[in-house]
Amino acid sequence: MTSRPSRPAARRARRAAPNPDAVESHAIKEQGRPDKGSYAMILAFAAALRSTCLSRKVGCVIVRDSQVIATGYNGTPKGTWHPEEFPRPCPCVGGVSGADLSLKYCAHAEANALAQSAYRGSSTAGADIFCTNFPCIECVKLLISAGIRAIYYVHGYPDVSGLRDRYLSQAGIPSHAIAWSRIQPHLSALAKG
């Protein structure tokens, strides 16, 4: 007859046994925690999850002095109808991306983040913006006027007007693409728990 180990001995044995999840988690940690830019972009992707747009989920984060001051996602204004509740379909569904922006039901993520900053009284002068998608021409005009210092993005967005890059160049605002491969491993690590 074998005797059962005492509880403290059993605990020590469990702690000493290799945990396959911990080994995998350690491998992810070896990759390193996300740098501040990747961290802000991960938050932008999290903000996109709140989007009510029926066509595209977009999120953004405004960062000043290494602190998040506002987030935004594309959706209808606070307290108004959800896009599915409008009497006719939103022109964005099946339409041309970047065209007829004034006819769309949703405000863009960047505009909502700037509105949140204004509502809370946070200056955006000298701040950076991290967007899941490159801002449209209308949002670029707002970002320039709000004093945004740099734009970081993962996915492109069409510039139907042909003015977006010219405006950014004239305003001296650089745009930086962040590779999806820099963000994806961190999101995968979150999914594994």
N, C-alpha and C. Protein backbone atom coordinates (compact mmCIF):
# COMPACT_ATOMS: atom_id res chain seq x y z
N MET A 1 0.84 -1.16 0.00
CA MET A 1 0.00 0.00 0.00
C MET A 1 0.89 1.24 0.00
N THR A 2 0.60 2.14 -0.93
CA THR A 2 1.39 3.37 -1.01
C THR A 2 0.72 4.44 -0.18
N SER A 3 1.58 5.17 0.47
CA SER A 3 1.02 6.27 1.27
C SER A 3 0.88 7.50 0.38
N ARG A 4 -0.10 8.25 0.69
CA ARG A 4 -0.38 9.48 -0.04
C ARG A 4 0.56 10.57 0.46
N PRO A 5 1.16 11.37 -0.45
CA PRO A 5 2.06 12.43 0.03
C PRO A 5 1.27 13.50 0.76
N SER A 6 1.95 14.14 1.67
CA SER A 6 1.29 15.22 2.40
C SER A 6 0.96 16.36 1.44
N ARG A 7 0.04 17.23 1.84
CA ARG A 7 -0.34 18.34 0.96
C ARG A 7 0.85 19.23 0.61
N PRO A 8 1.69 19.62 1.59
CA PRO A 8 2.84 20.45 1.20
C PRO A 8 3.76 19.74 0.21
N ALA A 9 3.96 18.42 0.38
CA ALA A 9 4.82 17.68 -0.55
C ALA A 9 4.19 17.64 -1.94
N ALA A 10 2.89 17.47 -2.02
CA ALA A 10 2.20 17.46 -3.32
C ALA A 10 2.32 18.82 -4.00
N ARG A 11 2.18 19.89 -3.21
CA ARG A 11 2.33 21.24 -3.77
C ARG A 11 3.73 21.45 -4.34
N ARG A 12 4.75 21.02 -3.57
CA ARG A 12 6.13 21.15 -4.03
C ARG A 12 6.34 20.37 -5.32
N ALA A 13 5.76 19.19 -5.42
CA ALA A 13 5.90 18.37 -6.62
C ALA A 13 5.26 19.04 -7.83
N ARG A 14 4.08 19.64 -7.62
CA ARG A 14 3.41 20.35 -8.73
C ARG A 14 4.24 21.54 -9.18
N ARG A 15 4.80 22.27 -8.22
CA ARG A 15 5.62 23.44 -8.57
C ARG A 15 6.88 23.03 -9.33
N ALA A 16 7.44 21.88 -8.98
CA ALA A 16 8.68 21.42 -9.61
C ALA A 16 8.43 20.87 -11.01
N ALA A 17 7.23 20.37 -11.29
CA ALA A 17 6.92 19.78 -12.60
C ALA A 17 6.87 20.88 -13.65
N PRO A 18 7.39 20.62 -14.84
CA PRO A 18 7.34 21.64 -15.89
C PRO A 18 5.90 21.90 -16.33
N ASN A 19 5.58 23.15 -16.51
CA ASN A 19 4.26 23.56 -16.96
C ASN A 19 4.39 23.94 -18.44
N PRO A 20 3.80 23.18 -19.35
CA PRO A 20 3.96 23.49 -20.78
C PRO A 20 3.45 24.88 -21.13
N ASP A 21 2.39 25.33 -20.46
CA ASP A 21 1.88 26.68 -20.74
C ASP A 21 2.90 27.72 -20.32
N ALA A 22 3.57 27.50 -19.21
CA ALA A 22 4.56 28.45 -18.72
C ALA A 22 5.75 28.51 -19.67
N VAL A 23 6.13 27.38 -20.23
CA VAL A 23 7.25 27.36 -21.17
C VAL A 23 6.88 28.18 -22.39
N GLU A 24 5.66 27.99 -22.91
CA GLU A 24 5.20 28.76 -24.07
C GLU A 24 5.11 30.24 -23.73
N SER A 25 4.61 30.55 -22.54
CA SER A 25 4.51 31.93 -22.09
C SER A 25 5.89 32.56 -21.98
N HIS A 26 6.87 31.78 -21.51
CA HIS A 26 8.23 32.29 -21.39
C HIS A 26 8.80 32.61 -22.77
N ALA A 27 8.48 31.77 -23.76
CA ALA A 27 8.97 32.02 -25.12
C ALA A 27 8.42 33.33 -25.65
N ILE A 28 7.17 33.64 -25.32
CA ILE A 28 6.57 34.90 -25.75
C ILE A 28 7.26 36.06 -25.04
N LYS A 29 7.54 35.89 -23.76
CA LYS A 29 8.21 36.95 -23.01
C LYS A 29 9.61 37.19 -23.55
N GLU A 30 10.26 36.12 -24.05
CA GLU A 30 11.58 36.29 -24.63
C GLU A 30 11.52 37.24 -25.82
N GLN A 31 10.40 37.20 -26.52
CA GLN A 31 10.21 38.10 -27.65
C GLN A 31 10.18 39.53 -27.11
N GLY A 32 9.82 39.68 -25.87
CA GLY A 32 9.82 40.99 -25.24
C GLY A 32 8.44 41.58 -25.15
N ARG A 33 8.30 42.44 -24.19
CA ARG A 33 7.03 43.14 -24.09
C ARG A 33 6.98 44.18 -25.19
N PRO A 34 5.80 44.60 -25.57
CA PRO A 34 5.71 45.54 -26.69
C PRO A 34 6.36 46.88 -26.35
N ASP A 35 7.01 47.48 -27.34
CA ASP A 35 7.51 48.83 -27.14
C ASP A 35 6.31 49.77 -27.06
N LYS A 36 6.54 51.03 -26.73
CA LYS A 36 5.42 51.96 -26.50
C LYS A 36 4.58 52.17 -27.75
N GLY A 37 5.21 52.17 -28.92
CA GLY A 37 4.44 52.33 -30.15
C GLY A 37 3.55 51.13 -30.42
N SER A 38 4.09 49.94 -30.24
CA SER A 38 3.29 48.73 -30.43
C SER A 38 2.16 48.66 -29.40
N TYR A 39 2.46 49.05 -28.17
CA TYR A 39 1.45 49.06 -27.11
C TYR A 39 0.29 49.99 -27.48
N ALA A 40 0.61 51.19 -27.96
CA ALA A 40 -0.44 52.13 -28.36
C ALA A 40 -1.26 51.55 -29.52
N MET A 41 -0.59 50.88 -30.45
CA MET A 41 -1.31 50.31 -31.59
C MET A 41 -2.20 49.16 -31.15
N ILE A 42 -1.74 48.37 -30.19
CA ILE A 42 -2.59 47.30 -29.66
C ILE A 42 -3.85 47.89 -29.04
N LEU A 43 -3.71 49.02 -28.34
CA LEU A 43 -4.88 49.70 -27.76
C LEU A 43 -5.80 50.21 -28.86
N ALA A 44 -5.23 50.66 -29.98
CA ALA A 44 -6.05 51.12 -31.11
C ALA A 44 -6.88 49.96 -31.67
N PHE A 45 -6.27 48.79 -31.77
CA PHE A 45 -7.02 47.62 -32.25
C PHE A 45 -8.11 47.22 -31.25
N ALA A 46 -7.83 47.39 -29.97
CA ALA A 46 -8.86 47.11 -28.95
C ALA A 46 -10.00 48.11 -29.09
N ALA A 47 -9.70 49.39 -29.34
CA ALA A 47 -10.74 50.40 -29.52
C ALA A 47 -11.60 50.06 -30.74
N ALA A 48 -10.99 49.52 -31.79
CA ALA A 48 -11.74 49.17 -33.01
C ALA A 48 -12.83 48.14 -32.73
N LEU A 49 -12.66 47.35 -31.69
CA LEU A 49 -13.67 46.35 -31.35
C LEU A 49 -15.01 47.00 -30.97
N ARG A 50 -14.99 48.26 -30.55
CA ARG A 50 -16.21 48.99 -30.17
C ARG A 50 -16.93 49.61 -31.37
N SER A 51 -16.33 49.55 -32.54
CA SER A 51 -16.89 50.18 -33.73
C SER A 51 -18.31 49.69 -34.03
N THR A 52 -19.16 50.62 -34.46
CA THR A 52 -20.52 50.25 -34.88
C THR A 52 -20.67 50.33 -36.40
N CYS A 53 -19.58 50.67 -37.09
CA CYS A 53 -19.63 50.77 -38.55
C CYS A 53 -19.91 49.39 -39.15
N LEU A 54 -20.76 49.36 -40.17
CA LEU A 54 -21.13 48.10 -40.81
C LEU A 54 -20.14 47.70 -41.90
N SER A 55 -19.21 48.59 -42.23
CA SER A 55 -18.29 48.34 -43.32
C SER A 55 -16.86 48.02 -42.87
N ARG A 56 -16.34 48.78 -41.89
CA ARG A 56 -14.94 48.63 -41.51
C ARG A 56 -14.78 48.99 -40.04
N LYS A 57 -14.03 48.20 -39.30
CA LYS A 57 -13.76 48.46 -37.88
C LYS A 57 -12.44 49.19 -37.76
N VAL A 58 -12.47 50.44 -37.28
CA VAL A 58 -11.27 51.26 -37.16
C VAL A 58 -11.19 51.81 -35.75
N GLY A 59 -9.98 51.83 -35.21
CA GLY A 59 -9.76 52.40 -33.89
C GLY A 59 -8.51 53.25 -33.90
N CYS A 60 -8.42 54.15 -32.93
CA CYS A 60 -7.21 54.96 -32.81
C CYS A 60 -6.99 55.38 -31.36
N VAL A 61 -5.77 55.77 -31.07
CA VAL A 61 -5.37 56.21 -29.75
C VAL A 61 -4.51 57.46 -29.92
N ILE A 62 -4.77 58.48 -29.12
CA ILE A 62 -3.93 59.68 -29.12
C ILE A 62 -3.04 59.60 -27.89
N VAL A 63 -1.73 59.77 -28.13
CA VAL A 63 -0.73 59.65 -27.07
C VAL A 63 0.09 60.93 -27.00
N ARG A 64 0.18 61.50 -25.80
CA ARG A 64 1.03 62.68 -25.57
C ARG A 64 1.89 62.40 -24.35
N ASP A 65 3.19 62.65 -24.45
CA ASP A 65 4.12 62.43 -23.34
C ASP A 65 4.02 61.00 -22.81
N SER A 66 3.93 60.04 -23.71
CA SER A 66 3.85 58.61 -23.39
C SER A 66 2.59 58.22 -22.61
N GLN A 67 1.58 59.06 -22.63
CA GLN A 67 0.32 58.77 -21.93
C GLN A 67 -0.84 58.80 -22.93
N VAL A 68 -1.72 57.82 -22.83
CA VAL A 68 -2.92 57.82 -23.67
C VAL A 68 -3.85 58.91 -23.17
N ILE A 69 -4.23 59.83 -24.05
CA ILE A 69 -5.15 60.90 -23.63
C ILE A 69 -6.54 60.72 -24.21
N ALA A 70 -6.67 59.89 -25.28
CA ALA A 70 -8.00 59.66 -25.85
C ALA A 70 -7.97 58.44 -26.75
N THR A 71 -9.13 57.81 -26.87
CA THR A 71 -9.30 56.72 -27.82
C THR A 71 -10.50 57.05 -28.70
N GLY A 72 -10.58 56.41 -29.83
CA GLY A 72 -11.73 56.62 -30.70
C GLY A 72 -11.95 55.41 -31.59
N TYR A 73 -13.16 55.26 -32.03
CA TYR A 73 -13.51 54.21 -33.00
C TYR A 73 -14.59 54.78 -33.89
N ASN A 74 -14.75 54.21 -35.09
CA ASN A 74 -15.75 54.74 -36.00
C ASN A 74 -17.14 54.26 -35.59
N GLY A 75 -18.05 55.21 -35.54
CA GLY A 75 -19.41 54.89 -35.16
C GLY A 75 -20.28 56.13 -35.19
N THR A 76 -21.56 55.93 -34.99
CA THR A 76 -22.50 57.05 -34.97
C THR A 76 -22.28 57.87 -33.70
N PRO A 77 -22.68 59.14 -33.72
CA PRO A 77 -22.50 59.98 -32.53
C PRO A 77 -23.24 59.41 -31.31
N LYS A 78 -22.68 59.70 -30.14
CA LYS A 78 -23.23 59.22 -28.87
C LYS A 78 -24.72 59.59 -28.76
N GLY A 79 -25.53 58.62 -28.40
CA GLY A 79 -26.95 58.86 -28.18
C GLY A 79 -27.81 58.82 -29.44
N THR A 80 -27.20 58.53 -30.60
CA THR A 80 -27.98 58.48 -31.84
C THR A 80 -28.17 57.03 -32.27
N TRP A 81 -28.89 56.85 -33.36
CA TRP A 81 -29.18 55.52 -33.87
C TRP A 81 -27.92 54.74 -34.17
N HIS A 82 -28.04 53.43 -34.03
CA HIS A 82 -27.01 52.51 -34.51
C HIS A 82 -27.20 52.43 -36.02
N PRO A 83 -26.13 52.24 -36.80
CA PRO A 83 -26.29 52.20 -38.26
C PRO A 83 -27.37 51.23 -38.76
N GLU A 84 -27.60 50.13 -38.06
CA GLU A 84 -28.63 49.18 -38.49
C GLU A 84 -30.04 49.72 -38.29
N GLU A 85 -30.20 50.77 -37.49
CA GLU A 85 -31.53 51.32 -37.19
C GLU A 85 -31.96 52.43 -38.15
N PHE A 86 -31.06 52.88 -39.02
CA PHE A 86 -31.42 53.94 -39.96
C PHE A 86 -32.44 53.41 -40.97
N PRO A 87 -33.29 54.30 -41.48
CA PRO A 87 -34.34 53.86 -42.40
C PRO A 87 -33.82 53.27 -43.71
N ARG A 88 -32.62 53.66 -44.13
CA ARG A 88 -32.04 53.08 -45.35
C ARG A 88 -30.58 52.72 -45.07
N PRO A 89 -30.03 51.79 -45.84
CA PRO A 89 -28.66 51.35 -45.58
C PRO A 89 -27.64 52.49 -45.69
N CYS A 90 -26.61 52.39 -44.90
CA CYS A 90 -25.53 53.38 -44.96
C CYS A 90 -24.82 53.27 -46.30
N PRO A 91 -24.50 54.42 -46.91
CA PRO A 91 -23.80 54.37 -48.21
C PRO A 91 -22.42 53.72 -48.13
N CYS A 92 -21.87 53.56 -46.93
CA CYS A 92 -20.54 52.95 -46.83
C CYS A 92 -20.58 51.47 -47.17
N VAL A 93 -21.72 50.83 -46.99
CA VAL A 93 -21.81 49.40 -47.27
C VAL A 93 -21.91 49.20 -48.78
N GLY A 94 -20.89 48.60 -49.33
CA GLY A 94 -20.86 48.37 -50.77
C GLY A 94 -20.40 49.58 -51.58
N GLY A 95 -20.10 50.68 -50.90
CA GLY A 95 -19.65 51.88 -51.60
C GLY A 95 -18.14 51.89 -51.79
N VAL A 96 -17.64 52.99 -52.31
CA VAL A 96 -16.21 53.16 -52.54
C VAL A 96 -15.59 53.74 -51.28
N SER A 97 -14.56 53.07 -50.74
CA SER A 97 -13.88 53.57 -49.55
C SER A 97 -13.29 54.94 -49.82
N GLY A 98 -13.50 55.85 -48.88
CA GLY A 98 -12.93 57.19 -48.98
C GLY A 98 -13.73 58.16 -49.83
N ALA A 99 -14.81 57.70 -50.47
CA ALA A 99 -15.63 58.57 -51.33
C ALA A 99 -16.90 58.98 -50.60
N ASP A 100 -17.39 60.17 -50.87
CA ASP A 100 -18.64 60.68 -50.30
C ASP A 100 -18.69 60.55 -48.78
N LEU A 101 -17.62 60.96 -48.12
CA LEU A 101 -17.54 60.80 -46.66
C LEU A 101 -18.64 61.54 -45.92
N SER A 102 -19.12 62.65 -46.47
CA SER A 102 -20.16 63.43 -45.78
C SER A 102 -21.50 62.71 -45.75
N LEU A 103 -21.68 61.70 -46.61
CA LEU A 103 -22.95 60.98 -46.65
C LEU A 103 -22.98 59.78 -45.70
N LYS A 104 -21.86 59.45 -45.10
CA LYS A 104 -21.78 58.27 -44.23
C LYS A 104 -22.39 58.57 -42.87
N TYR A 105 -22.93 57.55 -42.22
CA TYR A 105 -23.60 57.71 -40.92
C TYR A 105 -22.62 57.83 -39.76
N CYS A 106 -21.47 57.21 -39.90
CA CYS A 106 -20.53 57.14 -38.78
C CYS A 106 -19.47 58.23 -38.86
N ALA A 107 -19.06 58.70 -37.69
CA ALA A 107 -17.89 59.57 -37.60
C ALA A 107 -16.67 58.66 -37.54
N HIS A 108 -15.56 59.13 -38.07
CA HIS A 108 -14.35 58.32 -38.09
C HIS A 108 -13.69 58.28 -36.72
N ALA A 109 -12.89 57.26 -36.51
CA ALA A 109 -12.22 57.02 -35.22
C ALA A 109 -11.39 58.24 -34.81
N GLU A 110 -10.66 58.82 -35.76
CA GLU A 110 -9.79 59.96 -35.44
C GLU A 110 -10.62 61.16 -34.99
N ALA A 111 -11.74 61.41 -35.68
CA ALA A 111 -12.61 62.53 -35.31
C ALA A 111 -13.21 62.30 -33.92
N ASN A 112 -13.59 61.06 -33.63
CA ASN A 112 -14.14 60.75 -32.31
C ASN A 112 -13.09 60.88 -31.21
N ALA A 113 -11.85 60.49 -31.49
CA ALA A 113 -10.77 60.65 -30.50
C ALA A 113 -10.48 62.12 -30.25
N LEU A 114 -10.47 62.94 -31.30
CA LEU A 114 -10.25 64.38 -31.12
C LEU A 114 -11.41 64.99 -30.33
N ALA A 115 -12.64 64.55 -30.62
CA ALA A 115 -13.81 65.05 -29.88
C ALA A 115 -13.71 64.65 -28.41
N GLN A 116 -13.25 63.43 -28.13
CA GLN A 116 -13.09 62.99 -26.74
C GLN A 116 -12.04 63.84 -26.03
N SER A 117 -10.96 64.16 -26.72
CA SER A 117 -9.92 65.02 -26.13
C SER A 117 -10.49 66.39 -25.79
N ALA A 118 -11.26 66.96 -26.71
CA ALA A 118 -11.85 68.27 -26.48
C ALA A 118 -12.85 68.21 -25.33
N TYR A 119 -13.66 67.18 -25.30
CA TYR A 119 -14.69 67.02 -24.25
C TYR A 119 -14.04 66.95 -22.86
N ARG A 120 -12.90 66.27 -22.80
CA ARG A 120 -12.20 66.11 -21.51
C ARG A 120 -11.21 67.24 -21.22
N GLY A 121 -11.03 68.14 -22.18
CA GLY A 121 -10.12 69.25 -21.96
C GLY A 121 -8.65 68.89 -22.08
N SER A 122 -8.33 67.86 -22.86
CA SER A 122 -6.94 67.44 -23.05
C SER A 122 -6.41 67.99 -24.36
N SER A 123 -5.32 68.73 -24.28
CA SER A 123 -4.72 69.28 -25.49
C SER A 123 -4.08 68.17 -26.32
N THR A 124 -4.23 68.28 -27.62
CA THR A 124 -3.61 67.30 -28.52
C THR A 124 -2.35 67.89 -29.18
N ALA A 125 -2.00 69.10 -28.83
CA ALA A 125 -0.81 69.74 -29.41
C ALA A 125 0.43 68.92 -29.08
N GLY A 126 1.15 68.51 -30.11
CA GLY A 126 2.37 67.74 -29.92
C GLY A 126 2.14 66.26 -29.65
N ALA A 127 0.92 65.80 -29.79
CA ALA A 127 0.61 64.39 -29.54
C ALA A 127 0.79 63.57 -30.82
N ASP A 128 0.92 62.26 -30.64
CA ASP A 128 0.97 61.33 -31.76
C ASP A 128 -0.35 60.57 -31.80
N ILE A 129 -0.73 60.12 -33.00
CA ILE A 129 -1.95 59.33 -33.12
C ILE A 129 -1.61 57.98 -33.74
N PHE A 130 -2.15 56.94 -33.15
CA PHE A 130 -1.95 55.56 -33.60
C PHE A 130 -3.29 55.05 -34.11
N CYS A 131 -3.35 54.74 -35.41
CA CYS A 131 -4.60 54.36 -36.06
C CYS A 131 -4.46 52.98 -36.69
N THR A 132 -5.53 52.20 -36.61
CA THR A 132 -5.50 50.90 -37.28
C THR A 132 -5.42 51.10 -38.79
N ASN A 133 -6.04 52.17 -39.30
CA ASN A 133 -6.02 52.49 -40.72
C ASN A 133 -5.53 53.92 -40.91
N PHE A 134 -4.86 54.17 -42.04
CA PHE A 134 -4.39 55.52 -42.33
C PHE A 134 -5.60 56.46 -42.39
N PRO A 135 -5.52 57.64 -41.78
CA PRO A 135 -6.66 58.57 -41.77
C PRO A 135 -7.05 59.05 -43.18
N CYS A 136 -8.33 59.33 -43.36
CA CYS A 136 -8.83 59.88 -44.62
C CYS A 136 -8.45 61.37 -44.70
N ILE A 137 -8.74 61.99 -45.81
CA ILE A 137 -8.40 63.40 -46.01
C ILE A 137 -9.12 64.29 -44.99
N GLU A 138 -10.38 64.00 -44.68
CA GLU A 138 -11.12 64.84 -43.72
C GLU A 138 -10.49 64.74 -42.33
N CYS A 139 -10.11 63.54 -41.93
CA CYS A 139 -9.48 63.37 -40.61
C CYS A 139 -8.09 63.97 -40.59
N VAL A 140 -7.36 63.90 -41.70
CA VAL A 140 -6.03 64.51 -41.77
C VAL A 140 -6.15 66.02 -41.55
N LYS A 141 -7.15 66.64 -42.14
CA LYS A 141 -7.34 68.09 -41.93
C LYS A 141 -7.58 68.39 -40.45
N LEU A 142 -8.39 67.57 -39.80
CA LEU A 142 -8.64 67.75 -38.37
C LEU A 142 -7.37 67.54 -37.54
N LEU A 143 -6.61 66.50 -37.88
CA LEU A 143 -5.39 66.19 -37.14
C LEU A 143 -4.35 67.31 -37.26
N ILE A 144 -4.23 67.87 -38.46
CA ILE A 144 -3.31 68.99 -38.66
C ILE A 144 -3.73 70.17 -37.79
N SER A 145 -5.02 70.50 -37.82
CA SER A 145 -5.52 71.63 -37.04
C SER A 145 -5.41 71.40 -35.54
N ALA A 146 -5.45 70.14 -35.12
CA ALA A 146 -5.38 69.81 -33.69
C ALA A 146 -3.95 69.74 -33.17
N GLY A 147 -2.96 69.91 -34.06
CA GLY A 147 -1.57 69.93 -33.62
C GLY A 147 -0.94 68.56 -33.44
N ILE A 148 -1.50 67.55 -34.10
CA ILE A 148 -0.92 66.20 -34.02
C ILE A 148 0.48 66.24 -34.64
N ARG A 149 1.44 65.59 -33.98
CA ARG A 149 2.84 65.63 -34.37
C ARG A 149 3.22 64.55 -35.38
N ALA A 150 2.63 63.34 -35.24
CA ALA A 150 2.97 62.23 -36.14
C ALA A 150 1.80 61.25 -36.19
N ILE A 151 1.70 60.54 -37.30
CA ILE A 151 0.65 59.54 -37.51
C ILE A 151 1.32 58.17 -37.68
N TYR A 152 0.82 57.20 -36.93
CA TYR A 152 1.28 55.82 -37.03
C TYR A 152 0.07 54.97 -37.42
N TYR A 153 0.27 54.04 -38.34
CA TYR A 153 -0.86 53.24 -38.83
C TYR A 153 -0.38 51.85 -39.23
N VAL A 154 -1.32 50.91 -39.34
CA VAL A 154 -1.01 49.55 -39.79
C VAL A 154 -1.54 49.33 -41.20
N HIS A 155 -2.82 49.63 -41.43
CA HIS A 155 -3.45 49.39 -42.74
C HIS A 155 -3.61 50.70 -43.49
N GLY A 156 -3.52 50.61 -44.81
CA GLY A 156 -3.72 51.79 -45.64
C GLY A 156 -5.19 52.16 -45.75
N TYR A 157 -5.45 53.30 -46.37
CA TYR A 157 -6.82 53.75 -46.64
C TYR A 157 -6.73 54.61 -47.90
N PRO A 158 -7.63 54.45 -48.86
CA PRO A 158 -7.50 55.17 -50.12
C PRO A 158 -7.63 56.69 -49.95
N ASP A 159 -6.88 57.40 -50.78
CA ASP A 159 -6.95 58.87 -50.81
C ASP A 159 -7.55 59.26 -52.15
N VAL A 160 -8.87 59.35 -52.18
CA VAL A 160 -9.59 59.68 -53.42
C VAL A 160 -9.25 61.10 -53.88
N SER A 161 -9.02 62.00 -52.91
CA SER A 161 -8.79 63.41 -53.23
C SER A 161 -7.40 63.67 -53.82
N GLY A 162 -6.43 62.88 -53.44
CA GLY A 162 -5.05 63.14 -53.86
C GLY A 162 -4.38 64.24 -53.06
N LEU A 163 -5.07 64.79 -52.06
CA LEU A 163 -4.54 65.90 -51.26
C LEU A 163 -3.91 65.47 -49.94
N ARG A 164 -4.26 64.31 -49.47
CA ARG A 164 -3.88 63.90 -48.11
C ARG A 164 -2.37 63.98 -47.90
N ASP A 165 -1.59 63.35 -48.76
CA ASP A 165 -0.14 63.34 -48.60
C ASP A 165 0.44 64.74 -48.76
N ARG A 166 -0.13 65.52 -49.65
CA ARG A 166 0.35 66.90 -49.83
C ARG A 166 0.11 67.72 -48.57
N TYR A 167 -1.07 67.61 -47.99
CA TYR A 167 -1.35 68.33 -46.74
C TYR A 167 -0.38 67.93 -45.63
N LEU A 168 -0.17 66.63 -45.48
CA LEU A 168 0.72 66.15 -44.43
C LEU A 168 2.15 66.65 -44.65
N SER A 169 2.59 66.66 -45.89
CA SER A 169 3.92 67.15 -46.21
C SER A 169 4.04 68.64 -45.90
N GLN A 170 3.05 69.42 -46.32
CA GLN A 170 3.08 70.87 -46.07
C GLN A 170 3.02 71.18 -44.58
N ALA A 171 2.31 70.36 -43.82
CA ALA A 171 2.20 70.59 -42.38
C ALA A 171 3.40 70.02 -41.61
N GLY A 172 4.24 69.26 -42.31
CA GLY A 172 5.41 68.69 -41.65
C GLY A 172 5.08 67.55 -40.69
N ILE A 173 3.99 66.84 -40.99
CA ILE A 173 3.58 65.72 -40.13
C ILE A 173 3.98 64.41 -40.81
N PRO A 174 4.91 63.68 -40.19
CA PRO A 174 5.31 62.40 -40.79
C PRO A 174 4.29 61.31 -40.51
N SER A 175 4.23 60.34 -41.40
CA SER A 175 3.40 59.17 -41.17
C SER A 175 4.30 57.95 -41.20
N HIS A 176 4.05 57.02 -40.29
CA HIS A 176 4.90 55.85 -40.13
C HIS A 176 4.03 54.59 -40.16
N ALA A 177 4.35 53.71 -41.08
CA ALA A 177 3.66 52.42 -41.13
C ALA A 177 4.26 51.51 -40.06
N ILE A 178 3.38 50.84 -39.32
CA ILE A 178 3.82 49.83 -38.36
C ILE A 178 3.40 48.49 -38.93
N ALA A 179 4.36 47.61 -39.10
CA ALA A 179 4.08 46.31 -39.71
C ALA A 179 3.17 45.48 -38.81
N TRP A 180 2.20 44.82 -39.42
CA TRP A 180 1.29 43.95 -38.68
C TRP A 180 2.09 42.89 -37.92
N SER A 181 3.20 42.45 -38.49
CA SER A 181 4.02 41.41 -37.86
C SER A 181 4.61 41.89 -36.53
N ARG A 182 4.65 43.19 -36.31
CA ARG A 182 5.14 43.74 -35.05
C ARG A 182 4.06 43.73 -33.97
N ILE A 183 2.80 43.74 -34.38
CA ILE A 183 1.66 43.79 -33.46
C ILE A 183 1.09 42.40 -33.20
N GLN A 184 0.97 41.61 -34.24
CA GLN A 184 0.27 40.33 -34.17
C GLN A 184 0.78 39.38 -33.09
N PRO A 185 2.09 39.22 -32.88
CA PRO A 185 2.54 38.29 -31.83
C PRO A 185 2.03 38.67 -30.44
N HIS A 186 1.94 39.96 -30.18
CA HIS A 186 1.45 40.40 -28.86
C HIS A 186 -0.03 40.13 -28.72
N LEU A 187 -0.80 40.31 -29.79
CA LEU A 187 -2.22 40.00 -29.73
C LEU A 187 -2.44 38.50 -29.58
N SER A 188 -1.60 37.71 -30.25
CA SER A 188 -1.70 36.25 -30.11
C SER A 188 -1.39 35.83 -28.68
N ALA A 189 -0.41 36.49 -28.07
CA ALA A 189 -0.05 36.17 -26.68
C ALA A 189 -1.24 36.46 -25.75
N LEU A 190 -1.97 37.53 -26.04
CA LEU A 190 -3.16 37.86 -25.23
C LEU A 190 -4.23 36.80 -25.40
N ALA A 191 -4.38 36.30 -26.61
CA ALA A 191 -5.42 35.30 -26.88
C ALA A 191 -5.16 33.99 -26.13
N LYS A 192 -3.88 33.71 -25.89
CA LYS A 192 -3.54 32.49 -25.19
C LYS A 192 -3.69 32.61 -23.68
N GLY A 193 -3.82 33.83 -23.21
CA GLY A 193 -4.04 34.05 -21.79
C GLY A 193 -2.86 34.09 -20.92
